[in-house]
Structure formats: structure tokens, C-alpha cells
């Protein structure tokens, strides 16, 4: 299932539900395991959502490179894990833009794709 994040502050962001659920939980908008059909982060709650997401990103451990691997060889991007920092970047950017314009950020699960 796709989750679409949208706001007047920027372009829509599409994420698969398994990737969107942890982010919604981190910003305090998803308390249980079921993904709501729709939701909104109101402008007055954007500061808290941004702070919570930034704290979670800062607490994420850094990926250590294996010492056995040859660092001269380029790594295949398809085999590298996607961390919270990369996964959350588009949503965090949209939240910050929405804060600047004082507009809400909405999400909808199972939207029109």
C-alpha cells in the first residue's frame, strides 16, 4: 500500500506503508500498528514533529565500514542499507517547508496510484 504525504509547501511524497509507518510513529501520529486512512500534522504541531524526527535521526547509529573490504572498489548502491536519515529526509524537508509557510502536512494511505 502506498502512503502519500502532501502539503501546499511542496511536492507530494509517496512511500510504501512499511516505510511510512515508522516515520508516522516517530512523529507521534501513529500509536498502534494499524495505519489510519488519513491524517494531518497541523501547523501548531510541526515543531514537535520536526524535533522528534531529528532526535531519532541523531540517535541512529552510524554504519561502520567493514575493515576487511577493499575501500578502493565502489560499492553497489543496491546492496547498501537505507538508514533512517535517508528514509526520513523527504518527509523532514516537507515538514520544515510547511512550518515556514504555516500550512499543514496531510497523509493518505492507499491513495490513487
N, C-alpha and C. Protein backbone atom coordinates (compact mmCIF):
# COMPACT_ATOMS: atom_id res chain seq x y z
N UNK A 1 0.84 -1.16 0.00
CA UNK A 1 0.00 0.00 0.00
C UNK A 1 0.89 1.24 0.00
N UNK A 2 0.47 2.23 -0.76
CA UNK A 2 1.20 3.49 -0.82
C UNK A 2 0.63 4.48 0.17
N UNK A 3 1.50 5.31 0.71
CA UNK A 3 1.09 6.42 1.56
C UNK A 3 1.58 7.69 0.88
N UNK A 4 0.67 8.64 0.71
CA UNK A 4 1.01 9.91 0.07
C UNK A 4 1.00 11.01 1.12
N UNK A 5 2.14 11.68 1.27
CA UNK A 5 2.24 12.86 2.12
C UNK A 5 2.09 14.07 1.22
N UNK A 6 1.24 15.01 1.60
CA UNK A 6 1.03 16.18 0.75
C UNK A 6 0.89 17.44 1.59
N UNK A 7 1.27 18.55 0.99
CA UNK A 7 1.17 19.85 1.62
C UNK A 7 1.28 20.91 0.53
N UNK A 8 0.75 22.08 0.81
CA UNK A 8 0.90 23.20 -0.12
C UNK A 8 2.35 23.68 -0.14
N UNK A 9 3.14 23.22 0.80
CA UNK A 9 4.53 23.65 0.92
C UNK A 9 5.47 22.96 -0.06
N UNK A 10 5.04 21.87 -0.69
CA UNK A 10 5.94 21.16 -1.59
C UNK A 10 5.24 20.04 -2.33
N UNK A 11 6.03 19.31 -3.09
CA UNK A 11 5.50 18.21 -3.90
C UNK A 11 5.08 17.04 -3.01
N UNK A 12 4.17 16.22 -3.53
CA UNK A 12 3.73 15.03 -2.83
C UNK A 12 4.89 14.06 -2.67
N UNK A 13 4.87 13.32 -1.56
CA UNK A 13 5.87 12.29 -1.29
C UNK A 13 5.13 10.96 -1.21
N UNK A 14 5.57 9.99 -1.99
CA UNK A 14 4.98 8.65 -1.96
C UNK A 14 5.93 7.70 -1.24
N UNK A 15 5.37 6.91 -0.33
CA UNK A 15 6.15 5.90 0.39
C UNK A 15 5.33 4.64 0.51
N UNK A 16 6.00 3.52 0.54
CA UNK A 16 5.32 2.28 0.86
C UNK A 16 4.95 2.30 2.33
N UNK A 17 3.82 1.69 2.67
CA UNK A 17 3.33 1.70 4.05
C UNK A 17 4.35 1.19 5.07
N UNK A 18 5.11 0.10 4.78
CA UNK A 18 6.08 -0.35 5.77
C UNK A 18 7.18 0.68 6.06
N UNK A 19 7.42 1.60 5.14
CA UNK A 19 8.42 2.65 5.35
C UNK A 19 7.80 3.88 6.00
N UNK A 20 6.53 4.14 5.72
CA UNK A 20 5.85 5.32 6.27
C UNK A 20 5.44 5.11 7.74
N UNK A 21 5.06 3.89 8.11
CA UNK A 21 4.59 3.62 9.47
C UNK A 21 5.61 4.02 10.54
N UNK A 22 6.87 3.63 10.43
CA UNK A 22 7.83 4.04 11.47
C UNK A 22 7.99 5.55 11.56
N UNK A 23 7.93 6.24 10.43
CA UNK A 23 8.07 7.69 10.45
C UNK A 23 6.87 8.34 11.13
N UNK A 24 5.68 7.84 10.83
CA UNK A 24 4.48 8.37 11.48
C UNK A 24 4.50 8.09 12.97
N UNK A 25 5.03 6.95 13.36
CA UNK A 25 5.15 6.61 14.78
C UNK A 25 6.14 7.56 15.45
N UNK A 26 7.26 7.83 14.79
CA UNK A 26 8.27 8.72 15.36
C UNK A 26 7.75 10.13 15.58
N UNK A 27 6.92 10.63 14.67
CA UNK A 27 6.43 12.00 14.83
C UNK A 27 5.19 12.06 15.72
N UNK A 28 4.78 10.91 16.24
CA UNK A 28 3.68 10.88 17.20
C UNK A 28 2.30 10.83 16.60
N UNK A 29 2.19 10.40 15.36
CA UNK A 29 0.89 10.36 14.69
C UNK A 29 0.34 8.96 14.49
N UNK A 30 1.05 7.95 14.97
CA UNK A 30 0.59 6.58 14.82
C UNK A 30 0.92 5.83 16.11
N UNK A 31 -0.10 5.56 16.91
CA UNK A 31 0.12 4.91 18.20
C UNK A 31 0.02 3.40 18.15
N UNK A 32 -0.78 2.88 17.23
CA UNK A 32 -0.94 1.43 17.17
C UNK A 32 -0.34 0.91 15.88
N UNK A 33 -0.54 -0.36 15.62
CA UNK A 33 0.07 -1.00 14.46
C UNK A 33 -0.68 -0.72 13.16
N UNK A 34 -1.95 -0.32 13.25
CA UNK A 34 -2.74 -0.09 12.04
C UNK A 34 -2.53 1.32 11.51
N UNK A 35 -2.33 1.41 10.22
CA UNK A 35 -2.15 2.70 9.57
C UNK A 35 -3.53 3.29 9.30
N UNK A 36 -3.74 4.49 9.79
CA UNK A 36 -5.00 5.18 9.53
C UNK A 36 -5.12 5.52 8.05
N UNK A 37 -6.34 5.66 7.59
CA UNK A 37 -6.54 6.00 6.18
C UNK A 37 -6.02 7.39 5.87
N UNK A 38 -6.26 8.33 6.78
CA UNK A 38 -5.81 9.72 6.58
C UNK A 38 -5.37 10.32 7.90
N UNK A 39 -4.58 11.34 7.77
CA UNK A 39 -4.17 12.07 8.97
C UNK A 39 -3.56 13.40 8.58
N UNK A 40 -3.29 14.20 9.61
CA UNK A 40 -2.75 15.54 9.36
C UNK A 40 -1.84 15.95 10.50
N UNK A 41 -0.79 16.68 10.16
CA UNK A 41 0.05 17.35 11.14
C UNK A 41 -0.28 18.83 10.99
N UNK A 42 -0.95 19.36 11.98
CA UNK A 42 -1.37 20.76 11.95
C UNK A 42 -0.16 21.67 12.14
N UNK A 43 -0.23 22.89 11.64
CA UNK A 43 0.92 23.81 11.75
C UNK A 43 1.44 23.99 13.17
N UNK A 44 0.54 23.96 14.17
CA UNK A 44 0.99 24.15 15.55
C UNK A 44 1.71 22.92 16.10
N UNK A 45 1.64 21.79 15.40
CA UNK A 45 2.33 20.57 15.84
C UNK A 45 3.58 20.26 15.01
N UNK A 46 3.88 21.10 14.05
CA UNK A 46 5.02 20.84 13.17
C UNK A 46 6.35 20.89 13.93
N UNK A 47 6.50 21.84 14.86
CA UNK A 47 7.76 21.93 15.62
C UNK A 47 8.06 20.64 16.36
N UNK A 48 7.04 20.10 17.01
CA UNK A 48 7.23 18.85 17.76
C UNK A 48 7.56 17.69 16.82
N UNK A 49 6.86 17.60 15.69
CA UNK A 49 7.11 16.52 14.72
C UNK A 49 8.53 16.60 14.17
N UNK A 50 8.97 17.81 13.84
CA UNK A 50 10.32 18.00 13.31
C UNK A 50 11.36 17.62 14.37
N UNK A 51 11.15 18.08 15.59
CA UNK A 51 12.10 17.76 16.68
C UNK A 51 12.20 16.27 16.92
N UNK A 52 11.05 15.59 16.97
CA UNK A 52 11.06 14.15 17.22
C UNK A 52 11.79 13.40 16.13
N UNK A 53 11.57 13.80 14.88
CA UNK A 53 12.22 13.13 13.75
C UNK A 53 13.73 13.40 13.77
N UNK A 54 14.13 14.64 14.06
CA UNK A 54 15.55 14.97 14.12
C UNK A 54 16.26 14.25 15.26
N UNK A 55 15.59 14.11 16.41
CA UNK A 55 16.18 13.37 17.53
C UNK A 55 16.38 11.90 17.18
N UNK A 56 15.41 11.31 16.51
CA UNK A 56 15.52 9.91 16.11
C UNK A 56 16.66 9.71 15.10
N UNK A 57 16.80 10.65 14.20
CA UNK A 57 17.89 10.58 13.22
C UNK A 57 19.24 10.70 13.92
N UNK A 58 19.34 11.63 14.86
CA UNK A 58 20.60 11.83 15.60
C UNK A 58 20.95 10.61 16.44
N UNK A 59 19.94 9.89 16.93
CA UNK A 59 20.19 8.72 17.77
C UNK A 59 20.52 7.47 16.97
N UNK A 60 20.31 7.52 15.67
CA UNK A 60 20.58 6.34 14.83
C UNK A 60 22.09 6.10 14.77
N UNK A 61 22.52 4.86 15.00
CA UNK A 61 23.96 4.58 14.93
C UNK A 61 24.47 4.70 13.50
N UNK A 62 25.69 5.17 13.40
CA UNK A 62 26.32 5.31 12.08
C UNK A 62 26.73 3.94 11.56
N UNK A 63 26.62 3.75 10.25
CA UNK A 63 27.04 2.50 9.63
C UNK A 63 28.56 2.45 9.58
N UNK A 64 29.14 1.46 10.20
CA UNK A 64 30.60 1.29 10.17
C UNK A 64 30.99 0.47 8.95
N UNK A 65 32.04 0.91 8.30
CA UNK A 65 32.51 0.16 7.14
C UNK A 65 33.24 -1.08 7.61
N UNK A 66 33.08 -2.16 6.88
CA UNK A 66 33.83 -3.38 7.20
C UNK A 66 35.31 -3.14 6.91
N UNK A 67 36.16 -3.50 7.86
CA UNK A 67 37.59 -3.28 7.68
C UNK A 67 38.18 -4.24 6.68
N UNK A 68 37.51 -5.38 6.46
CA UNK A 68 38.05 -6.38 5.52
C UNK A 68 37.83 -5.95 4.07
N UNK A 69 36.86 -5.11 3.83
CA UNK A 69 36.52 -4.77 2.45
C UNK A 69 37.54 -3.81 1.87
N UNK A 70 37.75 -3.97 0.59
CA UNK A 70 38.64 -3.09 -0.14
C UNK A 70 37.93 -1.77 -0.40
N UNK A 71 38.41 -0.69 0.18
CA UNK A 71 37.73 0.61 0.05
C UNK A 71 37.96 1.26 -1.31
N UNK A 72 38.90 0.71 -2.12
CA UNK A 72 39.14 1.28 -3.45
C UNK A 72 38.03 0.91 -4.43
N UNK A 73 37.32 -0.16 -4.14
CA UNK A 73 36.25 -0.60 -5.03
C UNK A 73 34.95 0.12 -4.70
N UNK A 74 34.27 0.65 -5.70
CA UNK A 74 32.99 1.31 -5.42
C UNK A 74 31.95 0.29 -4.97
N UNK A 75 31.09 0.72 -4.07
CA UNK A 75 30.04 -0.17 -3.58
C UNK A 75 28.83 -0.06 -4.49
N UNK A 76 28.13 -1.17 -4.62
CA UNK A 76 26.91 -1.19 -5.39
C UNK A 76 25.80 -0.58 -4.54
N UNK A 77 25.21 0.50 -4.99
CA UNK A 77 24.19 1.22 -4.22
C UNK A 77 22.98 0.34 -3.90
N UNK A 78 22.74 -0.67 -4.73
CA UNK A 78 21.58 -1.55 -4.49
C UNK A 78 21.77 -2.45 -3.29
N UNK A 79 23.01 -2.64 -2.85
CA UNK A 79 23.27 -3.54 -1.72
C UNK A 79 23.42 -2.80 -0.40
N UNK A 80 23.50 -1.47 -0.44
CA UNK A 80 23.66 -0.71 0.79
C UNK A 80 22.32 -0.55 1.49
N UNK A 81 22.29 -0.66 2.81
CA UNK A 81 21.02 -0.48 3.53
C UNK A 81 20.60 0.99 3.53
N UNK A 82 19.30 1.22 3.59
CA UNK A 82 18.77 2.58 3.66
C UNK A 82 18.53 2.89 5.12
N UNK A 83 19.19 3.91 5.62
CA UNK A 83 19.05 4.28 7.02
C UNK A 83 17.89 5.25 7.24
N UNK A 84 17.62 5.52 8.49
CA UNK A 84 16.54 6.43 8.84
C UNK A 84 16.79 7.82 8.27
N UNK A 85 18.03 8.26 8.27
CA UNK A 85 18.37 9.59 7.74
C UNK A 85 17.91 9.73 6.29
N UNK A 86 18.20 8.72 5.47
CA UNK A 86 17.81 8.78 4.06
C UNK A 86 16.30 8.60 3.90
N UNK A 87 15.73 7.71 4.66
CA UNK A 87 14.31 7.41 4.54
C UNK A 87 13.46 8.62 4.95
N UNK A 88 13.90 9.32 6.00
CA UNK A 88 13.10 10.41 6.56
C UNK A 88 13.34 11.75 5.89
N UNK A 89 14.40 11.88 5.11
CA UNK A 89 14.76 13.18 4.55
C UNK A 89 13.62 13.87 3.79
N UNK A 90 12.93 13.20 2.86
CA UNK A 90 11.87 13.91 2.14
C UNK A 90 10.75 14.40 3.05
N UNK A 91 10.34 13.59 4.02
CA UNK A 91 9.28 14.00 4.93
C UNK A 91 9.75 15.14 5.83
N UNK A 92 10.96 15.04 6.34
CA UNK A 92 11.51 16.09 7.19
C UNK A 92 11.58 17.42 6.43
N UNK A 93 12.01 17.36 5.20
CA UNK A 93 12.08 18.56 4.36
C UNK A 93 10.68 19.16 4.16
N UNK A 94 9.70 18.31 3.89
CA UNK A 94 8.33 18.79 3.70
C UNK A 94 7.79 19.41 4.99
N UNK A 95 8.07 18.78 6.13
CA UNK A 95 7.63 19.33 7.41
C UNK A 95 8.25 20.71 7.66
N UNK A 96 9.52 20.87 7.36
CA UNK A 96 10.19 22.15 7.56
C UNK A 96 9.63 23.22 6.63
N UNK A 97 9.37 22.84 5.37
CA UNK A 97 8.79 23.80 4.43
C UNK A 97 7.39 24.21 4.88
N UNK A 98 6.61 23.24 5.35
CA UNK A 98 5.26 23.53 5.82
C UNK A 98 5.30 24.46 7.04
N UNK A 99 6.27 24.26 7.90
CA UNK A 99 6.42 25.13 9.07
C UNK A 99 6.70 26.57 8.62
N UNK A 100 7.56 26.72 7.62
CA UNK A 100 7.89 28.04 7.11
C UNK A 100 6.69 28.77 6.52
N UNK A 101 5.77 28.02 5.92
CA UNK A 101 4.58 28.61 5.31
C UNK A 101 3.36 28.55 6.23
N UNK A 102 3.52 27.90 7.40
CA UNK A 102 2.43 27.74 8.37
C UNK A 102 1.22 27.03 7.75
N UNK A 103 1.51 25.91 7.07
CA UNK A 103 0.45 25.09 6.46
C UNK A 103 0.57 23.66 6.98
N UNK A 104 -0.52 22.89 6.96
CA UNK A 104 -0.47 21.51 7.45
C UNK A 104 0.19 20.55 6.45
N UNK A 105 0.57 19.38 6.97
CA UNK A 105 1.03 18.28 6.14
C UNK A 105 0.02 17.15 6.35
N UNK A 106 -0.53 16.64 5.25
CA UNK A 106 -1.52 15.58 5.33
C UNK A 106 -0.95 14.30 4.75
N UNK A 107 -1.51 13.17 5.16
CA UNK A 107 -1.16 11.90 4.53
C UNK A 107 -2.41 11.10 4.30
N UNK A 108 -2.31 10.25 3.28
CA UNK A 108 -3.43 9.38 2.91
C UNK A 108 -2.85 8.03 2.49
N UNK A 109 -3.38 6.99 3.08
CA UNK A 109 -2.95 5.63 2.75
C UNK A 109 -3.82 5.08 1.63
N UNK A 110 -3.21 4.37 0.71
CA UNK A 110 -3.95 3.72 -0.37
C UNK A 110 -4.48 4.71 -1.38
N UNK A 111 -3.80 5.82 -1.54
CA UNK A 111 -4.29 6.85 -2.47
C UNK A 111 -4.06 6.43 -3.91
N UNK A 112 -4.62 7.20 -4.80
CA UNK A 112 -4.88 6.92 -6.19
C UNK A 112 -3.83 6.36 -7.11
N UNK A 113 -2.82 5.70 -6.67
CA UNK A 113 -1.86 5.11 -7.62
C UNK A 113 -2.22 3.69 -7.77
